[in-house]
Amino acid sequence: MVQALRRDDLFKRPGVAETLDWALALSALGAVELDLDALNGTLGVLLKYEEDVRRVRETALPKLLEEAAASAG
């Protein structure tokens, strides 16, 4: 998922710190699987700028989730 976001044209791409914070957030929520709800609820941990969060939510979230699932599987 993070690799897919890093390829996107974002104001600030997620780095190692954001990736680790995101993993901790998912763990704290008890997320066993990455689904649209978990991703949507934690996207702000990965993306620091509201413009990036809004654009990804509006245009790319389902596609990114599918891409992440395909590469994991």
PDB file of N, CA and C in Angstrom:
ATOM      1  N   MET A   1       0.825  -1.194   0.000  1.00  0.00           N
ATOM      2  CA  MET A   1       0.000   0.000   0.000  1.00  0.00           C
ATOM      3  C   MET A   1       0.870   1.259   0.000  1.00  0.00           C
ATOM      4  N   VAL A   2       1.857   1.264   0.853  1.00  0.00           N
ATOM      5  CA  VAL A   2       2.725   2.435   0.958  1.00  0.00           C
ATOM      6  C   VAL A   2       3.509   2.625  -0.337  1.00  0.00           C
ATOM      7  N   GLN A   3       3.956   1.543  -0.925  1.00  0.00           N
ATOM      8  CA  GLN A   3       4.684   1.651  -2.192  1.00  0.00           C
ATOM      9  C   GLN A   3       3.794   2.282  -3.266  1.00  0.00           C
ATOM     10  N   ALA A   4       2.543   1.888  -3.300  1.00  0.00           N
ATOM     11  CA  ALA A   4       1.616   2.466  -4.275  1.00  0.00           C
ATOM     12  C   ALA A   4       1.432   3.963  -4.025  1.00  0.00           C
ATOM     13  N   LEU A   5       1.327   4.359  -2.761  1.00  0.00           N
ATOM     14  CA  LEU A   5       1.186   5.780  -2.444  1.00  0.00           C
ATOM     15  C   LEU A   5       2.455   6.555  -2.793  1.00  0.00           C
ATOM     16  N   ARG A   6       3.590   5.921  -2.630  1.00  0.00           N
ATOM     17  CA  ARG A   6       4.844   6.600  -2.951  1.00  0.00           C
ATOM     18  C   ARG A   6       4.982   6.880  -4.446  1.00  0.00           C
ATOM     19  N   ARG A   7       4.312   6.091  -5.266  1.00  0.00           N
ATOM     20  CA  ARG A   7       4.354   6.317  -6.717  1.00  0.00           C
ATOM     21  C   ARG A   7       3.389   7.413  -7.147  1.00  0.00           C
ATOM     22  N   ASP A   8       2.449   7.729  -6.281  1.00  0.00           N
ATOM     23  CA  ASP A   8       1.434   8.736  -6.605  1.00  0.00           C
ATOM     24  C   ASP A   8       2.049  10.139  -6.537  1.00  0.00           C
ATOM     25  N   ASP A   9       1.410  11.061  -7.198  1.00  0.00           N
ATOM     26  CA  ASP A   9       1.882  12.446  -7.227  1.00  0.00           C
ATOM     27  C   ASP A   9       1.318  13.180  -6.010  1.00  0.00           C
ATOM     28  N   LEU A  10       2.012  13.072  -4.878  1.00  0.00           N
ATOM     29  CA  LEU A  10       1.571  13.677  -3.632  1.00  0.00           C
ATOM     30  C   LEU A  10       2.464  14.850  -3.267  1.00  0.00           C
ATOM     31  N   PHE A  11       1.917  15.744  -2.461  1.00  0.00           N
ATOM     32  CA  PHE A  11       2.718  16.861  -1.973  1.00  0.00           C
ATOM     33  C   PHE A  11       3.852  16.341  -1.095  1.00  0.00           C
ATOM     34  N   LYS A  12       3.536  15.363  -0.209  1.00  0.00           N
ATOM     35  CA  LYS A  12       4.555  14.709   0.604  1.00  0.00           C
ATOM     36  C   LYS A  12       4.267  13.214   0.626  1.00  0.00           C
ATOM     37  N   ARG A  13       5.152  12.464   0.037  1.00  0.00           N
ATOM     38  CA  ARG A  13       4.988  11.009   0.005  1.00  0.00           C
ATOM     39  C   ARG A  13       5.312  10.423   1.378  1.00  0.00           C
ATOM     40  N   PRO A  14       4.633   9.326   1.755  1.00  0.00           N
ATOM     41  CA  PRO A  14       4.910   8.726   3.063  1.00  0.00           C
ATOM     42  C   PRO A  14       6.314   8.127   3.115  1.00  0.00           C
ATOM     43  N   GLY A  15       6.985   8.366   4.227  1.00  0.00           N
ATOM     44  CA  GLY A  15       8.319   7.823   4.435  1.00  0.00           C
ATOM     45  C   GLY A  15       8.291   6.683   5.434  1.00  0.00           C
ATOM     46  N   VAL A  16       9.449   6.327   5.935  1.00  0.00           N
ATOM     47  CA  VAL A  16       9.562   5.222   6.885  1.00  0.00           C
ATOM     48  C   VAL A  16       8.807   5.543   8.175  1.00  0.00           C
ATOM     49  N   ALA A  17       8.963   6.747   8.686  1.00  0.00           N
ATOM     50  CA  ALA A  17       8.293   7.119   9.933  1.00  0.00           C
ATOM     51  C   ALA A  17       6.774   7.020   9.800  1.00  0.00           C
ATOM     52  N   GLU A  18       6.236   7.516   8.701  1.00  0.00           N
ATOM     53  CA  GLU A  18       4.782   7.439   8.489  1.00  0.00           C
ATOM     54  C   GLU A  18       4.325   5.987   8.335  1.00  0.00           C
ATOM     55  N   THR A  19       5.149   5.184   7.684  1.00  0.00           N
ATOM     56  CA  THR A  19       4.808   3.774   7.499  1.00  0.00           C
ATOM     57  C   THR A  19       4.749   3.053   8.846  1.00  0.00           C
ATOM     58  N   LEU A  20       5.722   3.311   9.697  1.00  0.00           N
ATOM     59  CA  LEU A  20       5.730   2.688  11.021  1.00  0.00           C
ATOM     60  C   LEU A  20       4.557   3.184  11.871  1.00  0.00           C
ATOM     61  N   ASP A  21       4.276   4.480  11.818  1.00  0.00           N
ATOM     62  CA  ASP A  21       3.133   5.029  12.548  1.00  0.00           C
ATOM     63  C   ASP A  21       1.828   4.405  12.066  1.00  0.00           C
ATOM     64  N   TRP A  22       1.727   4.204  10.769  1.00  0.00           N
ATOM     65  CA  TRP A  22       0.525   3.622  10.186  1.00  0.00           C
ATOM     66  C   TRP A  22       0.348   2.174  10.648  1.00  0.00           C
ATOM     67  N   ALA A  23       1.442   1.419  10.653  1.00  0.00           N
ATOM     68  CA  ALA A  23       1.381   0.033  11.120  1.00  0.00           C
ATOM     69  C   ALA A  23       0.937  -0.011  12.583  1.00  0.00           C
ATOM     70  N   LEU A  24       1.433   0.899  13.398  1.00  0.00           N
ATOM     71  CA  LEU A  24       1.021   0.961  14.801  1.00  0.00           C
ATOM     72  C   LEU A  24      -0.461   1.326  14.929  1.00  0.00           C
ATOM     73  N   ALA A  25      -0.920   2.248  14.097  1.00  0.00           N
ATOM     74  CA  ALA A  25      -2.330   2.643  14.125  1.00  0.00           C
ATOM     75  C   ALA A  25      -3.230   1.471  13.740  1.00  0.00           C
ATOM     76  N   LEU A  26      -2.851   0.744  12.696  1.00  0.00           N
ATOM     77  CA  LEU A  26      -3.637  -0.418  12.280  1.00  0.00           C
ATOM     78  C   LEU A  26      -3.667  -1.468  13.378  1.00  0.00           C
ATOM     79  N   SER A  27      -2.524  -1.681  14.014  1.00  0.00           N
ATOM     80  CA  SER A  27      -2.438  -2.644  15.098  1.00  0.00           C
ATOM     81  C   SER A  27      -3.309  -2.212  16.281  1.00  0.00           C
ATOM     82  N   ALA A  28      -3.256  -0.931  16.625  1.00  0.00           N
ATOM     83  CA  ALA A  28      -4.057  -0.413  17.738  1.00  0.00           C
ATOM     84  C   ALA A  28      -5.553  -0.570  17.478  1.00  0.00           C
ATOM     85  N   LEU A  29      -5.935  -0.490  16.221  1.00  0.00           N
ATOM     86  CA  LEU A  29      -7.344  -0.663  15.844  1.00  0.00           C
ATOM     87  C   LEU A  29      -7.742  -2.130  15.752  1.00  0.00           C
ATOM     88  N   GLY A  30      -6.754  -3.012  15.842  1.00  0.00           N
ATOM     89  CA  GLY A  30      -7.036  -4.445  15.731  1.00  0.00           C
ATOM     90  C   GLY A  30      -7.311  -4.895  14.314  1.00  0.00           C
ATOM     91  N   ALA A  31      -6.814  -4.146  13.341  1.00  0.00           N
ATOM     92  CA  ALA A  31      -7.037  -4.488  11.940  1.00  0.00           C
ATOM     93  C   ALA A  31      -6.226  -5.730  11.578  1.00  0.00           C
ATOM     94  N   VAL A  32      -6.927  -6.777  11.189  1.00  0.00           N
ATOM     95  CA  VAL A  32      -6.276  -8.019  10.785  1.00  0.00           C
ATOM     96  C   VAL A  32      -6.033  -8.011   9.284  1.00  0.00           C
ATOM     97  N   GLU A  33      -6.946  -7.384   8.569  1.00  0.00           N
ATOM     98  CA  GLU A  33      -6.880  -7.275   7.120  1.00  0.00           C
ATOM     99  C   GLU A  33      -7.002  -5.813   6.734  1.00  0.00           C
ATOM    100  N   LEU A  34      -6.320  -5.461   5.670  1.00  0.00           N
ATOM    101  CA  LEU A  34      -6.436  -4.094   5.182  1.00  0.00           C
ATOM    102  C   LEU A  34      -7.672  -4.007   4.295  1.00  0.00           C
ATOM    103  N   ASP A  35      -8.660  -3.283   4.770  1.00  0.00           N
ATOM    104  CA  ASP A  35      -9.869  -3.086   3.982  1.00  0.00           C
ATOM    105  C   ASP A  35     -10.111  -1.592   3.826  1.00  0.00           C
ATOM    106  N   LEU A  36     -11.135  -1.262   3.081  1.00  0.00           N
ATOM    107  CA  LEU A  36     -11.419   0.138   2.773  1.00  0.00           C
ATOM    108  C   LEU A  36     -11.677   0.961   4.036  1.00  0.00           C
ATOM    109  N   ASP A  37     -12.389   0.398   5.004  1.00  0.00           N
ATOM    110  CA  ASP A  37     -12.681   1.130   6.236  1.00  0.00           C
ATOM    111  C   ASP A  37     -11.410   1.411   7.037  1.00  0.00           C
ATOM    112  N   ALA A  38     -10.553   0.395   7.196  1.00  0.00           N
ATOM    113  CA  ALA A  38      -9.306   0.570   7.948  1.00  0.00           C
ATOM    114  C   ALA A  38      -8.400   1.574   7.243  1.00  0.00           C
ATOM    115  N   LEU A  39      -8.324   1.469   5.938  1.00  0.00           N
ATOM    116  CA  LEU A  39      -7.473   2.387   5.180  1.00  0.00           C
ATOM    117  C   LEU A  39      -8.005   3.811   5.250  1.00  0.00           C
ATOM    118  N   ASN A  40      -9.276   3.965   5.066  1.00  0.00           N
ATOM    119  CA  ASN A  40      -9.889   5.291   5.105  1.00  0.00           C
ATOM    120  C   ASN A  40      -9.730   5.922   6.487  1.00  0.00           C
ATOM    121  N   GLY A  41      -9.842   5.123   7.529  1.00  0.00           N
ATOM    122  CA  GLY A  41      -9.735   5.632   8.886  1.00  0.00           C
ATOM    123  C   GLY A  41      -8.327   5.983   9.322  1.00  0.00           C
ATOM    124  N   THR A  42      -7.323   5.449   8.636  1.00  0.00           N
ATOM    125  CA  THR A  42      -5.934   5.678   9.040  1.00  0.00           C
ATOM    126  C   THR A  42      -5.119   6.419   7.987  1.00  0.00           C
ATOM    127  N   LEU A  43      -5.744   6.827   6.937  1.00  0.00           N
ATOM    128  CA  LEU A  43      -5.024   7.478   5.843  1.00  0.00           C
ATOM    129  C   LEU A  43      -4.292   8.736   6.296  1.00  0.00           C
ATOM    130  N   GLY A  44      -4.854   9.440   7.252  1.00  0.00           N
ATOM    131  CA  GLY A  44      -4.228  10.644   7.764  1.00  0.00           C
ATOM    132  C   GLY A  44      -2.910  10.388   8.484  1.00  0.00           C
ATOM    133  N   VAL A  45      -2.665   9.156   8.889  1.00  0.00           N
ATOM    134  CA  VAL A  45      -1.385   8.806   9.512  1.00  0.00           C
ATOM    135  C   VAL A  45      -0.300   8.705   8.435  1.00  0.00           C
ATOM    136  N   LEU A  46      -0.676   8.220   7.276  1.00  0.00           N
ATOM    137  CA  LEU A  46       0.278   8.070   6.172  1.00  0.00           C
ATOM    138  C   LEU A  46       0.524   9.376   5.436  1.00  0.00           C
ATOM    139  N   LEU A  47      -0.518  10.142   5.252  1.00  0.00           N
ATOM    140  CA  LEU A  47      -0.423  11.372   4.470  1.00  0.00           C
ATOM    141  C   LEU A  47      -0.580  12.571   5.382  1.00  0.00           C
ATOM    142  N   LYS A  48       0.397  13.430   5.403  1.00  0.00           N
ATOM    143  CA  LYS A  48       0.424  14.531   6.358  1.00  0.00           C
ATOM    144  C   LYS A  48      -0.341  15.766   5.913  1.00  0.00           C
ATOM    145  N   TYR A  49      -0.637  15.870   4.644  1.00  0.00           N
ATOM    146  CA  TYR A  49      -1.327  17.049   4.138  1.00  0.00           C
ATOM    147  C   TYR A  49      -2.759  16.702   3.761  1.00  0.00           C
ATOM    148  N   GLU A  50      -3.699  17.518   4.253  1.00  0.00           N
ATOM    149  CA  GLU A  50      -5.118  17.264   4.010  1.00  0.00           C
ATOM    150  C   GLU A  50      -5.443  17.224   2.518  1.00  0.00           C
ATOM    151  N   GLU A  51      -4.748  18.014   1.715  1.00  0.00           N
ATOM    152  CA  GLU A  51      -4.971  17.987   0.269  1.00  0.00           C
ATOM    153  C   GLU A  51      -4.678  16.599  -0.300  1.00  0.00           C
ATOM    154  N   ASP A  52      -3.585  15.976   0.156  1.00  0.00           N
ATOM    155  CA  ASP A  52      -3.239  14.629  -0.298  1.00  0.00           C
ATOM    156  C   ASP A  52      -4.280  13.621   0.175  1.00  0.00           C
ATOM    157  N   VAL A  53      -4.697  13.722   1.438  1.00  0.00           N
ATOM    158  CA  VAL A  53      -5.695  12.796   1.987  1.00  0.00           C
ATOM    159  C   VAL A  53      -6.987  12.902   1.182  1.00  0.00           C
ATOM    160  N   ARG A  54      -7.439  14.106   0.956  1.00  0.00           N
ATOM    161  CA  ARG A  54      -8.698  14.321   0.221  1.00  0.00           C
ATOM    162  C   ARG A  54      -8.603  13.778  -1.210  1.00  0.00           C
ATOM    163  N   ARG A  55      -7.510  14.058  -1.882  1.00  0.00           N
ATOM    164  CA  ARG A  55      -7.366  13.596  -3.271  1.00  0.00           C
ATOM    165  C   ARG A  55      -7.310  12.077  -3.356  1.00  0.00           C
ATOM    166  N   VAL A  56      -6.559  11.457  -2.456  1.00  0.00           N
ATOM    167  CA  VAL A  56      -6.468   9.996  -2.476  1.00  0.00           C
ATOM    168  C   VAL A  56      -7.828   9.386  -2.159  1.00  0.00           C
ATOM    169  N   ARG A  57      -8.520   9.919  -1.172  1.00  0.00           N
ATOM    170  CA  ARG A  57      -9.856   9.394  -0.831  1.00  0.00           C
ATOM    171  C   ARG A  57     -10.824   9.531  -2.005  1.00  0.00           C
ATOM    172  N   GLU A  58     -10.772  10.652  -2.692  1.00  0.00           N
ATOM    173  CA  GLU A  58     -11.735  10.917  -3.762  1.00  0.00           C
ATOM    174  C   GLU A  58     -11.419  10.183  -5.052  1.00  0.00           C
ATOM    175  N   THR A  59     -10.138   9.945  -5.317  1.00  0.00           N
ATOM    176  CA  THR A  59      -9.801   9.439  -6.645  1.00  0.00           C
ATOM    177  C   THR A  59      -9.106   8.090  -6.689  1.00  0.00           C
ATOM    178  N   ALA A  60      -8.445   7.677  -5.612  1.00  0.00           N
ATOM    179  CA  ALA A  60      -7.558   6.530  -5.773  1.00  0.00           C
ATOM    180  C   ALA A  60      -7.694   5.423  -4.735  1.00  0.00           C
ATOM    181  N   LEU A  61      -8.459   5.614  -3.694  1.00  0.00           N
ATOM    182  CA  LEU A  61      -8.464   4.668  -2.591  1.00  0.00           C
ATOM    183  C   LEU A  61      -8.814   3.235  -2.992  1.00  0.00           C
ATOM    184  N   PRO A  62      -9.933   2.982  -3.648  1.00  0.00           N
ATOM    185  CA  PRO A  62     -10.245   1.589  -4.015  1.00  0.00           C
ATOM    186  C   PRO A  62      -9.189   0.959  -4.932  1.00  0.00           C
ATOM    187  N   LYS A  63      -8.686   1.740  -5.871  1.00  0.00           N
ATOM    188  CA  LYS A  63      -7.671   1.215  -6.797  1.00  0.00           C
ATOM    189  C   LYS A  63      -6.379   0.863  -6.057  1.00  0.00           C
ATOM    190  N   LEU A  64      -5.964   1.724  -5.137  1.00  0.00           N
ATOM    191  CA  LEU A  64      -4.766   1.453  -4.363  1.00  0.00           C
ATOM    192  C   LEU A  64      -4.919   0.204  -3.503  1.00  0.00           C
ATOM    193  N   LEU A  65      -6.094   0.027  -2.931  1.00  0.00           N
ATOM    194  CA  LEU A  65      -6.357  -1.147  -2.099  1.00  0.00           C
ATOM    195  C   LEU A  65      -6.307  -2.418  -2.945  1.00  0.00           C
ATOM    196  N   GLU A  66      -6.868  -2.386  -4.136  1.00  0.00           N
ATOM    197  CA  GLU A  66      -6.818  -3.538  -5.041  1.00  0.00           C
ATOM    198  C   GLU A  66      -5.381  -3.842  -5.435  1.00  0.00           C
ATOM    199  N   GLU A  67      -4.616  -2.821  -5.747  1.00  0.00           N
ATOM    200  CA  GLU A  67      -3.224  -2.980  -6.138  1.00  0.00           C
ATOM    201  C   GLU A  67      -2.405  -3.581  -4.999  1.00  0.00           C
ATOM    202  N   ALA A  68      -2.645  -3.125  -3.779  1.00  0.00           N
ATOM    203  CA  ALA A  68      -1.919  -3.648  -2.618  1.00  0.00           C
ATOM    204  C   ALA A  68      -2.278  -5.102  -2.377  1.00  0.00           C
ATOM    205  N   ALA A  69      -3.551  -5.438  -2.527  1.00  0.00           N
ATOM    206  CA  ALA A  69      -3.980  -6.825  -2.327  1.00  0.00           C
ATOM    207  C   ALA A  69      -3.379  -7.749  -3.388  1.00  0.00           C
ATOM    208  N   ALA A  70      -3.313  -7.274  -4.613  1.00  0.00           N
ATOM    209  CA  ALA A  70      -2.756  -8.091  -5.692  1.00  0.00           C
ATOM    210  C   ALA A  70      -1.262  -8.340  -5.489  1.00  0.00           C
ATOM    211  N   SER A  71      -0.547  -7.338  -5.016  1.00  0.00           N
ATOM    212  CA  SER A  71       0.887  -7.523  -4.814  1.00  0.00           C
ATOM    213  C   SER A  71       1.191  -8.350  -3.584  1.00  0.00           C
ATOM    214  N   ALA A  72       0.269  -8.415  -2.633  1.00  0.00           N
ATOM    215  CA  ALA A  72       0.476  -9.210  -1.420  1.00  0.00           C
ATOM    216  C   ALA A  72       0.118 -10.672  -1.629  1.00  0.00           C
ATOM    217  N   GLY A  73      -0.682 -10.902  -2.649  1.00  0.00           N
ATOM    218  CA  GLY A  73      -1.251 -12.185  -2.764  1.00  0.00           C
ATOM    219  C   GLY A  73      -0.710 -13.231  -3.586  1.00  0.00           C
TER     220      GLY A  73
END
